[in-house]
């Protein structure tokens, strides 16, 4: 009986360690796509949720394409800075980045408000809030782990 339990535990341990920890998540699948493809997918998803008409789809796709292009350019810039070994950002650079991000969010919200009707806009805000909150718990746990490792 002991041997059977021990064999099961060993098999479970081997199975757990043999799993691929480098699997791509949803974002990993999207990083290989062009900004146009990303915008098309996001527009289709929004169409399903918000029931967008053709003119709304075209306007939103244009906005999302611009966003995806800018995001890809910033990602390449960060990658280049990392490879150069650039040091941490100064507090002024962090401040400017945060201001830029918030200004972009305000502009995006105004654009969406002009494109969507009241009900669609309300649903978009809920959808956007959920998207932003999705990763918050994970970040908090990672920070706690990093802090405890430093101590």
C-alpha atoms as a PDB file:
ATOM      1  CA  UNK A   1       0.000   0.000   0.000  1.00  0.00           C
ATOM      2  CA  UNK A   2       2.829   2.370   0.900  1.00  0.00           C
ATOM      3  CA  UNK A   3       4.534   1.635  -2.406  1.00  0.00           C
ATOM      4  CA  UNK A   4       1.348   2.397  -4.319  1.00  0.00           C
ATOM      5  CA  UNK A   5       0.881   5.752  -2.555  1.00  0.00           C
ATOM      6  CA  UNK A   6       4.530   6.578  -3.104  1.00  0.00           C
ATOM      7  CA  UNK A   7       4.283   5.710  -6.814  1.00  0.00           C
ATOM      8  CA  UNK A   8       1.224   7.938  -7.217  1.00  0.00           C
ATOM      9  CA  UNK A   9       2.976  10.843  -5.486  1.00  0.00           C
ATOM     10  CA  UNK A  10       6.056  10.453  -7.685  1.00  0.00           C
ATOM     11  CA  UNK A  11       3.931  10.331 -10.836  1.00  0.00           C
ATOM     12  CA  UNK A  12       2.027  13.451  -9.755  1.00  0.00           C
ATOM     13  CA  UNK A  13       5.293  15.262  -9.074  1.00  0.00           C
ATOM     14  CA  UNK A  14       6.761  14.311 -12.437  1.00  0.00           C
ATOM     15  CA  UNK A  15       3.605  15.357 -14.230  1.00  0.00           C
ATOM     16  CA  UNK A  16       3.532  18.729 -12.468  1.00  0.00           C
ATOM     17  CA  UNK A  17       7.163  19.540 -13.249  1.00  0.00           C
ATOM     18  CA  UNK A  18       6.932  18.354 -16.857  1.00  0.00           C
ATOM     19  CA  UNK A  19       4.286  20.906 -17.788  1.00  0.00           C
ATOM     20  CA  UNK A  20       5.317  23.712 -20.084  1.00  0.00           C
ATOM     21  CA  UNK A  21       5.649  26.879 -18.031  1.00  0.00           C
ATOM     22  CA  UNK A  22       6.465  28.971 -21.097  1.00  0.00           C
ATOM     23  CA  UNK A  23       2.979  28.700 -22.593  1.00  0.00           C
ATOM     24  CA  UNK A  24       1.681  31.822 -24.226  1.00  0.00           C
ATOM     25  CA  UNK A  25      -1.333  33.491 -22.725  1.00  0.00           C
ATOM     26  CA  UNK A  26      -3.863  35.531 -24.676  1.00  0.00           C
ATOM     27  CA  UNK A  27      -1.455  38.450 -25.004  1.00  0.00           C
ATOM     28  CA  UNK A  28       1.361  36.165 -26.138  1.00  0.00           C
ATOM     29  CA  UNK A  29      -0.718  35.035 -29.078  1.00  0.00           C
ATOM     30  CA  UNK A  30      -1.450  38.632 -30.060  1.00  0.00           C
ATOM     31  CA  UNK A  31       2.123  39.928 -29.984  1.00  0.00           C
ATOM     32  CA  UNK A  32       2.981  38.268 -33.300  1.00  0.00           C
ATOM     33  CA  UNK A  33       0.085  39.957 -35.107  1.00  0.00           C
ATOM     34  CA  UNK A  34       0.300  43.234 -37.013  1.00  0.00           C
ATOM     35  CA  UNK A  35      -1.367  46.312 -35.514  1.00  0.00           C
ATOM     36  CA  UNK A  36      -4.051  46.066 -38.220  1.00  0.00           C
ATOM     37  CA  UNK A  37      -4.840  42.460 -37.274  1.00  0.00           C
ATOM     38  CA  UNK A  38      -4.978  43.297 -33.570  1.00  0.00           C
ATOM     39  CA  UNK A  39      -7.341  46.207 -34.265  1.00  0.00           C
ATOM     40  CA  UNK A  40      -9.584  43.988 -36.411  1.00  0.00           C
ATOM     41  CA  UNK A  41      -9.855  41.353 -33.680  1.00  0.00           C
ATOM     42  CA  UNK A  42     -10.564  43.941 -30.991  1.00  0.00           C
ATOM     43  CA  UNK A  43     -13.181  45.630 -33.183  1.00  0.00           C
ATOM     44  CA  UNK A  44     -14.937  42.307 -33.819  1.00  0.00           C
ATOM     45  CA  UNK A  45     -15.003  41.565 -30.086  1.00  0.00           C
ATOM     46  CA  UNK A  46     -16.418  45.007 -29.332  1.00  0.00           C
ATOM     47  CA  UNK A  47     -19.010  44.539 -32.084  1.00  0.00           C
ATOM     48  CA  UNK A  48     -20.203  41.341 -30.443  1.00  0.00           C
ATOM     49  CA  UNK A  49     -20.440  42.903 -26.992  1.00  0.00           C
ATOM     50  CA  UNK A  50     -21.708  46.388 -27.882  1.00  0.00           C
ATOM     51  CA  UNK A  51     -23.706  45.590 -31.049  1.00  0.00           C
ATOM     52  CA  UNK A  52     -21.917  48.195 -33.178  1.00  0.00           C
ATOM     53  CA  UNK A  53     -23.175  49.308 -36.592  1.00  0.00           C
ATOM     54  CA  UNK A  54     -20.926  49.591 -39.675  1.00  0.00           C
ATOM     55  CA  UNK A  55     -19.958  53.262 -39.255  1.00  0.00           C
ATOM     56  CA  UNK A  56     -19.162  52.722 -35.562  1.00  0.00           C
ATOM     57  CA  UNK A  57     -17.013  49.714 -36.464  1.00  0.00           C
ATOM     58  CA  UNK A  58     -14.999  51.733 -38.992  1.00  0.00           C
ATOM     59  CA  UNK A  59     -14.399  54.605 -36.576  1.00  0.00           C
ATOM     60  CA  UNK A  60     -13.428  52.311 -33.707  1.00  0.00           C
ATOM     61  CA  UNK A  61     -11.155  50.211 -35.928  1.00  0.00           C
ATOM     62  CA  UNK A  62      -9.298  53.387 -36.954  1.00  0.00           C
ATOM     63  CA  UNK A  63      -8.801  54.328 -33.302  1.00  0.00           C
ATOM     64  CA  UNK A  64      -7.706  50.828 -32.317  1.00  0.00           C
ATOM     65  CA  UNK A  65      -5.274  50.630 -35.249  1.00  0.00           C
ATOM     66  CA  UNK A  66      -3.619  53.876 -34.120  1.00  0.00           C
ATOM     67  CA  UNK A  67      -3.414  52.526 -30.566  1.00  0.00           C
ATOM     68  CA  UNK A  68      -1.951  49.196 -31.659  1.00  0.00           C
ATOM     69  CA  UNK A  69       0.644  50.918 -33.846  1.00  0.00           C
ATOM     70  CA  UNK A  70       1.690  53.231 -31.013  1.00  0.00           C
ATOM     71  CA  UNK A  71       1.798  50.330 -28.546  1.00  0.00           C
ATOM     72  CA  UNK A  72       3.998  48.288 -30.876  1.00  0.00           C
ATOM     73  CA  UNK A  73       6.386  51.231 -31.378  1.00  0.00           C
ATOM     74  CA  UNK A  74       6.676  51.787 -27.612  1.00  0.00           C
ATOM     75  CA  UNK A  75       7.287  48.093 -27.071  1.00  0.00           C
ATOM     76  CA  UNK A  76      10.119  48.149 -29.620  1.00  0.00           C
ATOM     77  CA  UNK A  77      11.570  51.247 -27.951  1.00  0.00           C
ATOM     78  CA  UNK A  78      11.498  49.578 -24.526  1.00  0.00           C
ATOM     79  CA  UNK A  79      13.111  46.475 -25.988  1.00  0.00           C
ATOM     80  CA  UNK A  80      15.900  48.576 -27.537  1.00  0.00           C
ATOM     81  CA  UNK A  81      16.470  50.431 -24.251  1.00  0.00           C
ATOM     82  CA  UNK A  82      16.630  47.144 -22.380  1.00  0.00           C
ATOM     83  CA  UNK A  83      19.197  45.727 -24.797  1.00  0.00           C
ATOM     84  CA  UNK A  84      21.307  48.890 -24.485  1.00  0.00           C
ATOM     85  CA  UNK A  85      21.245  48.401 -20.753  1.00  0.00           C
ATOM     86  CA  UNK A  86      19.602  51.736 -20.068  1.00  0.00           C
ATOM     87  CA  UNK A  87      19.223  52.442 -16.371  1.00  0.00           C
ATOM     88  CA  UNK A  88      15.968  52.919 -14.531  1.00  0.00           C
ATOM     89  CA  UNK A  89      13.733  55.849 -15.421  1.00  0.00           C
ATOM     90  CA  UNK A  90      14.080  59.048 -13.456  1.00  0.00           C
ATOM     91  CA  UNK A  91      11.148  60.315 -11.442  1.00  0.00           C
ATOM     92  CA  UNK A  92      10.565  63.060 -14.030  1.00  0.00           C
ATOM     93  CA  UNK A  93      10.447  60.506 -16.861  1.00  0.00           C
ATOM     94  CA  UNK A  94       8.007  58.352 -14.886  1.00  0.00           C
ATOM     95  CA  UNK A  95       5.858  61.407 -14.208  1.00  0.00           C
ATOM     96  CA  UNK A  96       5.792  62.372 -17.887  1.00  0.00           C
ATOM     97  CA  UNK A  97       4.902  58.832 -18.944  1.00  0.00           C
ATOM     98  CA  UNK A  98       2.028  58.691 -16.458  1.00  0.00           C
ATOM     99  CA  UNK A  99       0.702  62.102 -17.575  1.00  0.00           C
ATOM    100  CA  UNK A 100       0.899  60.994 -21.200  1.00  0.00           C
ATOM    101  CA  UNK A 101      -0.940  57.750 -20.403  1.00  0.00           C
ATOM    102  CA  UNK A 102      -3.717  59.535 -18.510  1.00  0.00           C
ATOM    103  CA  UNK A 103      -4.144  62.169 -21.239  1.00  0.00           C
ATOM    104  CA  UNK A 104      -4.443  59.345 -23.758  1.00  0.00           C
ATOM    105  CA  UNK A 105      -7.122  57.653 -21.634  1.00  0.00           C
ATOM    106  CA  UNK A 106      -9.115  60.890 -21.352  1.00  0.00           C
ATOM    107  CA  UNK A 107      -8.934  61.462 -25.115  1.00  0.00           C
ATOM    108  CA  UNK A 108      -9.914  57.837 -25.797  1.00  0.00           C
ATOM    109  CA  UNK A 109     -12.917  58.118 -23.494  1.00  0.00           C
ATOM    110  CA  UNK A 110     -14.103  61.284 -25.249  1.00  0.00           C
ATOM    111  CA  UNK A 111     -13.693  59.650 -28.655  1.00  0.00           C
ATOM    112  CA  UNK A 112     -15.659  56.600 -27.585  1.00  0.00           C
ATOM    113  CA  UNK A 113     -18.374  58.806 -26.095  1.00  0.00           C
ATOM    114  CA  UNK A 114     -18.766  60.586 -29.452  1.00  0.00           C
ATOM    115  CA  UNK A 115     -18.975  57.291 -31.393  1.00  0.00           C
ATOM    116  CA  UNK A 116     -21.160  55.163 -29.108  1.00  0.00           C
ATOM    117  CA  UNK A 117     -24.703  55.790 -27.935  1.00  0.00           C
ATOM    118  CA  UNK A 118     -25.394  56.128 -24.199  1.00  0.00           C
ATOM    119  CA  UNK A 119     -26.128  52.449 -23.567  1.00  0.00           C
ATOM    120  CA  UNK A 120     -23.137  51.268 -25.594  1.00  0.00           C
ATOM    121  CA  UNK A 121     -20.855  53.759 -23.859  1.00  0.00           C
ATOM    122  CA  UNK A 122     -21.997  52.562 -20.430  1.00  0.00           C
ATOM    123  CA  UNK A 123     -21.308  48.943 -21.429  1.00  0.00           C
ATOM    124  CA  UNK A 124     -17.918  49.936 -22.876  1.00  0.00           C
ATOM    125  CA  UNK A 125     -16.960  51.609 -19.577  1.00  0.00           C
ATOM    126  CA  UNK A 126     -17.877  48.456 -17.646  1.00  0.00           C
ATOM    127  CA  UNK A 127     -15.950  46.323 -20.122  1.00  0.00           C
ATOM    128  CA  UNK A 128     -12.944  48.650 -19.954  1.00  0.00           C
ATOM    129  CA  UNK A 129     -12.992  48.699 -16.147  1.00  0.00           C
ATOM    130  CA  UNK A 130     -13.068  44.893 -15.975  1.00  0.00           C
ATOM    131  CA  UNK A 131     -10.165  44.705 -18.430  1.00  0.00           C
ATOM    132  CA  UNK A 132      -8.095  47.094 -16.333  1.00  0.00           C
ATOM    133  CA  UNK A 133      -8.857  45.260 -13.101  1.00  0.00           C
ATOM    134  CA  UNK A 134      -8.120  41.797 -14.504  1.00  0.00           C
ATOM    135  CA  UNK A 135      -4.395  41.782 -13.729  1.00  0.00           C
ATOM    136  CA  UNK A 136      -4.400  43.857 -10.539  1.00  0.00           C
ATOM    137  CA  UNK A 137      -4.429  40.904  -8.136  1.00  0.00           C
ATOM    138  CA  UNK A 138      -1.524  39.205  -9.877  1.00  0.00           C
ATOM    139  CA  UNK A 139       0.639  42.326  -9.676  1.00  0.00           C
ATOM    140  CA  UNK A 140      -0.042  42.698  -5.979  1.00  0.00           C
ATOM    141  CA  UNK A 141       0.980  39.078  -5.322  1.00  0.00           C
ATOM    142  CA  UNK A 142       4.173  39.452  -7.372  1.00  0.00           C
ATOM    143  CA  UNK A 143       5.162  42.594  -5.461  1.00  0.00           C
ATOM    144  CA  UNK A 144       4.627  40.826  -2.134  1.00  0.00           C
ATOM    145  CA  UNK A 145       6.813  37.939  -3.298  1.00  0.00           C
ATOM    146  CA  UNK A 146       9.564  40.311  -4.428  1.00  0.00           C
ATOM    147  CA  UNK A 147       9.444  42.230  -1.151  1.00  0.00           C
ATOM    148  CA  UNK A 148       9.654  39.075   0.951  1.00  0.00           C
ATOM    149  CA  UNK A 149      12.566  37.817  -1.173  1.00  0.00           C
ATOM    150  CA  UNK A 150      14.519  41.053  -0.530  1.00  0.00           C
ATOM    151  CA  UNK A 151      14.094  40.751   3.237  1.00  0.00           C
END
